[in-house]
């Protein structure tokens, strides 16, 4: 989750507000990787990259789904990652 927050601060414009649901899926990805894999450098790297990818998908899909269909994004990026 910290990697997703850092990624958001580095890549998104300052005026874009980070909502709590942007980080929900990155937390789910990190917890699932931590529960499935033994602790190692590769598992940490996979959790960091997966968390960033899940956060990015949450923002992009959330924007698209809200504008086009009026639906919340919720757990879809977690399932995709």
N, C-alpha and C. Protein backbone atom coordinates (compact mmCIF):
# COMPACT_ATOMS: atom_id res chain seq x y z
N UNK A 1 0.82 -1.17 0.00
CA UNK A 1 0.00 0.00 0.00
C UNK A 1 0.87 1.25 0.00
N UNK A 2 1.99 1.19 0.67
CA UNK A 2 2.91 2.32 0.68
C UNK A 2 3.49 2.55 -0.71
N UNK A 3 3.74 1.47 -1.43
CA UNK A 3 4.27 1.64 -2.79
C UNK A 3 3.23 2.29 -3.70
N UNK A 4 1.96 1.94 -3.53
CA UNK A 4 0.90 2.55 -4.33
C UNK A 4 0.76 4.04 -4.00
N UNK A 5 0.88 4.39 -2.72
CA UNK A 5 0.79 5.80 -2.34
C UNK A 5 1.96 6.59 -2.91
N UNK A 6 3.16 6.05 -2.81
CA UNK A 6 4.32 6.71 -3.38
C UNK A 6 4.22 6.85 -4.89
N UNK A 7 3.72 5.80 -5.53
CA UNK A 7 3.52 5.84 -6.98
C UNK A 7 2.51 6.93 -7.36
N UNK A 8 1.45 7.05 -6.57
CA UNK A 8 0.43 8.07 -6.84
C UNK A 8 1.02 9.46 -6.67
N UNK A 9 1.81 9.67 -5.65
CA UNK A 9 2.40 10.99 -5.41
C UNK A 9 3.39 11.37 -6.51
N UNK A 10 4.09 10.38 -7.06
CA UNK A 10 5.09 10.66 -8.09
C UNK A 10 4.49 10.85 -9.49
N UNK A 11 3.40 10.15 -9.79
CA UNK A 11 2.91 10.14 -11.16
C UNK A 11 1.67 10.98 -11.40
N UNK A 12 0.82 11.17 -10.40
CA UNK A 12 -0.42 11.90 -10.63
C UNK A 12 -0.23 13.39 -10.39
N UNK A 13 -1.00 14.21 -11.09
CA UNK A 13 -0.90 15.66 -10.89
C UNK A 13 -1.25 16.05 -9.45
N UNK A 14 -0.74 17.18 -9.04
CA UNK A 14 -0.94 17.64 -7.66
C UNK A 14 -2.41 17.90 -7.37
N UNK A 15 -3.15 18.39 -8.35
CA UNK A 15 -4.55 18.73 -8.13
C UNK A 15 -5.46 17.49 -8.04
N UNK A 16 -4.95 16.33 -8.42
CA UNK A 16 -5.76 15.11 -8.36
C UNK A 16 -5.79 14.59 -6.93
N UNK A 17 -6.97 14.43 -6.41
CA UNK A 17 -7.15 13.99 -5.03
C UNK A 17 -7.09 12.46 -4.96
N UNK A 18 -6.30 11.94 -4.05
CA UNK A 18 -6.23 10.49 -3.85
C UNK A 18 -7.33 10.07 -2.88
N UNK A 19 -8.24 9.28 -3.37
CA UNK A 19 -9.33 8.78 -2.54
C UNK A 19 -8.90 7.49 -1.85
N UNK A 20 -9.50 7.17 -0.71
CA UNK A 20 -9.13 5.92 -0.01
C UNK A 20 -9.36 4.67 -0.84
N UNK A 21 -10.38 4.66 -1.68
CA UNK A 21 -10.65 3.46 -2.49
C UNK A 21 -9.59 3.23 -3.56
N UNK A 22 -8.77 4.22 -3.85
CA UNK A 22 -7.67 4.02 -4.80
C UNK A 22 -6.66 3.00 -4.27
N UNK A 23 -6.54 2.87 -2.97
CA UNK A 23 -5.53 2.02 -2.36
C UNK A 23 -6.08 0.68 -1.86
N UNK A 24 -7.38 0.52 -1.92
CA UNK A 24 -8.01 -0.71 -1.43
C UNK A 24 -7.52 -1.94 -2.19
N UNK A 25 -7.47 -1.87 -3.50
CA UNK A 25 -7.06 -3.02 -4.31
C UNK A 25 -5.57 -3.32 -4.17
N UNK A 26 -4.75 -2.29 -3.97
CA UNK A 26 -3.32 -2.55 -3.75
C UNK A 26 -3.10 -3.26 -2.43
N UNK A 27 -3.92 -2.95 -1.44
CA UNK A 27 -3.85 -3.66 -0.17
C UNK A 27 -4.24 -5.13 -0.36
N UNK A 28 -5.29 -5.38 -1.12
CA UNK A 28 -5.71 -6.76 -1.38
C UNK A 28 -4.64 -7.56 -2.12
N UNK A 29 -3.98 -6.92 -3.09
CA UNK A 29 -2.92 -7.60 -3.84
C UNK A 29 -1.76 -7.94 -2.90
N UNK A 30 -1.33 -6.98 -2.09
CA UNK A 30 -0.23 -7.23 -1.15
C UNK A 30 -0.56 -8.32 -0.15
N UNK A 31 -1.78 -8.32 0.38
CA UNK A 31 -2.17 -9.35 1.33
C UNK A 31 -2.25 -10.73 0.68
N UNK A 32 -2.74 -10.79 -0.54
CA UNK A 32 -2.84 -12.10 -1.20
C UNK A 32 -1.46 -12.64 -1.56
N UNK A 33 -0.55 -11.80 -2.00
CA UNK A 33 0.81 -12.26 -2.30
C UNK A 33 1.52 -12.68 -1.02
N UNK A 34 1.32 -11.90 0.04
CA UNK A 34 1.92 -12.26 1.32
C UNK A 34 1.38 -13.55 1.88
N UNK A 35 0.11 -13.85 1.61
CA UNK A 35 -0.49 -15.09 2.09
C UNK A 35 -0.14 -16.31 1.26
N UNK A 36 0.17 -16.09 -0.01
CA UNK A 36 0.43 -17.22 -0.90
C UNK A 36 1.90 -17.58 -1.04
N UNK A 37 2.79 -16.59 -0.98
CA UNK A 37 4.21 -16.83 -1.21
C UNK A 37 5.02 -16.73 0.07
N UNK A 38 6.11 -17.44 0.09
CA UNK A 38 7.04 -17.34 1.21
C UNK A 38 7.75 -15.99 1.14
N UNK A 39 8.09 -15.42 2.30
CA UNK A 39 8.75 -14.12 2.32
C UNK A 39 10.12 -14.22 1.66
N UNK A 40 10.32 -13.40 0.62
CA UNK A 40 11.59 -13.33 -0.09
C UNK A 40 11.64 -11.98 -0.81
N UNK A 41 12.77 -11.69 -1.38
CA UNK A 41 12.91 -10.46 -2.13
C UNK A 41 12.00 -10.42 -3.34
N UNK A 42 11.85 -11.56 -3.99
CA UNK A 42 10.97 -11.65 -5.16
C UNK A 42 9.51 -11.43 -4.77
N UNK A 43 9.09 -11.97 -3.63
CA UNK A 43 7.71 -11.78 -3.18
C UNK A 43 7.45 -10.31 -2.84
N UNK A 44 8.42 -9.65 -2.24
CA UNK A 44 8.27 -8.23 -1.93
C UNK A 44 8.20 -7.41 -3.21
N UNK A 45 9.06 -7.72 -4.15
CA UNK A 45 9.04 -7.02 -5.44
C UNK A 45 7.72 -7.24 -6.17
N UNK A 46 7.23 -8.45 -6.14
CA UNK A 46 5.96 -8.77 -6.78
C UNK A 46 4.81 -8.01 -6.09
N UNK A 47 4.83 -7.91 -4.77
CA UNK A 47 3.80 -7.18 -4.04
C UNK A 47 3.85 -5.69 -4.36
N UNK A 48 5.06 -5.13 -4.46
CA UNK A 48 5.21 -3.71 -4.76
C UNK A 48 4.70 -3.41 -6.17
N UNK A 49 5.14 -4.18 -7.14
CA UNK A 49 4.73 -3.95 -8.53
C UNK A 49 3.23 -4.23 -8.70
N UNK A 50 2.75 -5.30 -8.10
CA UNK A 50 1.32 -5.61 -8.18
C UNK A 50 0.46 -4.55 -7.52
N UNK A 51 0.92 -4.00 -6.40
CA UNK A 51 0.18 -2.93 -5.73
C UNK A 51 0.11 -1.67 -6.57
N UNK A 52 1.22 -1.33 -7.22
CA UNK A 52 1.22 -0.15 -8.09
C UNK A 52 0.30 -0.37 -9.29
N UNK A 53 0.36 -1.56 -9.87
CA UNK A 53 -0.49 -1.87 -11.02
C UNK A 53 -1.98 -1.85 -10.63
N UNK A 54 -2.29 -2.40 -9.47
CA UNK A 54 -3.68 -2.42 -9.01
C UNK A 54 -4.19 -1.00 -8.76
N UNK A 55 -3.36 -0.14 -8.19
CA UNK A 55 -3.76 1.24 -7.94
C UNK A 55 -3.98 1.98 -9.26
N UNK A 56 -3.09 1.76 -10.21
CA UNK A 56 -3.23 2.41 -11.51
C UNK A 56 -4.51 1.94 -12.22
N UNK A 57 -4.77 0.66 -12.19
CA UNK A 57 -6.01 0.13 -12.78
C UNK A 57 -7.25 0.66 -12.07
N UNK A 58 -7.17 0.82 -10.75
CA UNK A 58 -8.30 1.35 -10.00
C UNK A 58 -8.64 2.75 -10.45
N UNK A 59 -7.62 3.58 -10.62
CA UNK A 59 -7.86 4.97 -11.04
C UNK A 59 -8.41 5.01 -12.46
N UNK A 60 -7.79 4.28 -13.37
CA UNK A 60 -8.21 4.32 -14.78
C UNK A 60 -9.60 3.70 -14.96
N UNK A 61 -9.80 2.51 -14.43
CA UNK A 61 -11.10 1.87 -14.58
C UNK A 61 -12.19 2.60 -13.81
N UNK A 62 -11.83 3.15 -12.65
CA UNK A 62 -12.80 3.91 -11.87
C UNK A 62 -13.29 5.13 -12.62
N UNK A 63 -12.39 5.82 -13.26
CA UNK A 63 -12.77 6.99 -14.05
C UNK A 63 -13.66 6.59 -15.22
N UNK A 64 -13.27 5.55 -15.93
CA UNK A 64 -14.04 5.08 -17.08
C UNK A 64 -15.42 4.58 -16.66
N UNK A 65 -15.47 3.74 -15.64
CA UNK A 65 -16.74 3.14 -15.23
C UNK A 65 -17.69 4.18 -14.64
N UNK A 66 -17.14 5.17 -13.94
CA UNK A 66 -17.99 6.20 -13.36
C UNK A 66 -18.59 7.09 -14.44
N UNK A 67 -17.78 7.42 -15.44
CA UNK A 67 -18.27 8.30 -16.51
C UNK A 67 -19.20 7.57 -17.46
N UNK A 68 -18.86 6.37 -17.85
CA UNK A 68 -19.62 5.66 -18.88
C UNK A 68 -20.84 4.92 -18.34
N UNK A 69 -20.66 4.23 -17.23
CA UNK A 69 -21.73 3.36 -16.76
C UNK A 69 -22.32 3.78 -15.41
N UNK A 70 -21.65 4.69 -14.72
CA UNK A 70 -22.14 5.11 -13.40
C UNK A 70 -21.95 4.04 -12.33
N UNK A 71 -20.99 3.15 -12.53
CA UNK A 71 -20.75 2.05 -11.59
C UNK A 71 -19.48 2.28 -10.78
N UNK A 72 -19.44 1.78 -9.55
CA UNK A 72 -18.20 1.85 -8.78
C UNK A 72 -17.23 0.78 -9.24
N UNK A 73 -15.93 1.02 -9.05
CA UNK A 73 -14.92 0.08 -9.53
C UNK A 73 -14.67 -1.05 -8.53
N UNK A 74 -14.63 -0.76 -7.27
CA UNK A 74 -14.46 -1.69 -6.15
C UNK A 74 -13.35 -2.72 -6.39
N UNK A 75 -13.67 -4.01 -6.50
CA UNK A 75 -12.65 -5.05 -6.54
C UNK A 75 -12.22 -5.52 -7.92
N UNK A 76 -12.69 -4.91 -8.97
CA UNK A 76 -12.33 -5.35 -10.32
C UNK A 76 -10.83 -5.32 -10.60
N UNK A 77 -10.09 -4.26 -10.24
CA UNK A 77 -8.64 -4.28 -10.51
C UNK A 77 -7.90 -5.37 -9.75
N UNK A 78 -8.36 -5.72 -8.56
CA UNK A 78 -7.74 -6.82 -7.81
C UNK A 78 -7.90 -8.13 -8.58
N UNK A 79 -9.07 -8.35 -9.13
CA UNK A 79 -9.31 -9.57 -9.89
C UNK A 79 -8.47 -9.58 -11.16
N UNK A 80 -8.30 -8.44 -11.81
CA UNK A 80 -7.52 -8.37 -13.04
C UNK A 80 -6.03 -8.56 -12.79
N UNK A 81 -5.52 -8.03 -11.67
CA UNK A 81 -4.09 -8.17 -11.37
C UNK A 81 -3.86 -9.56 -10.86
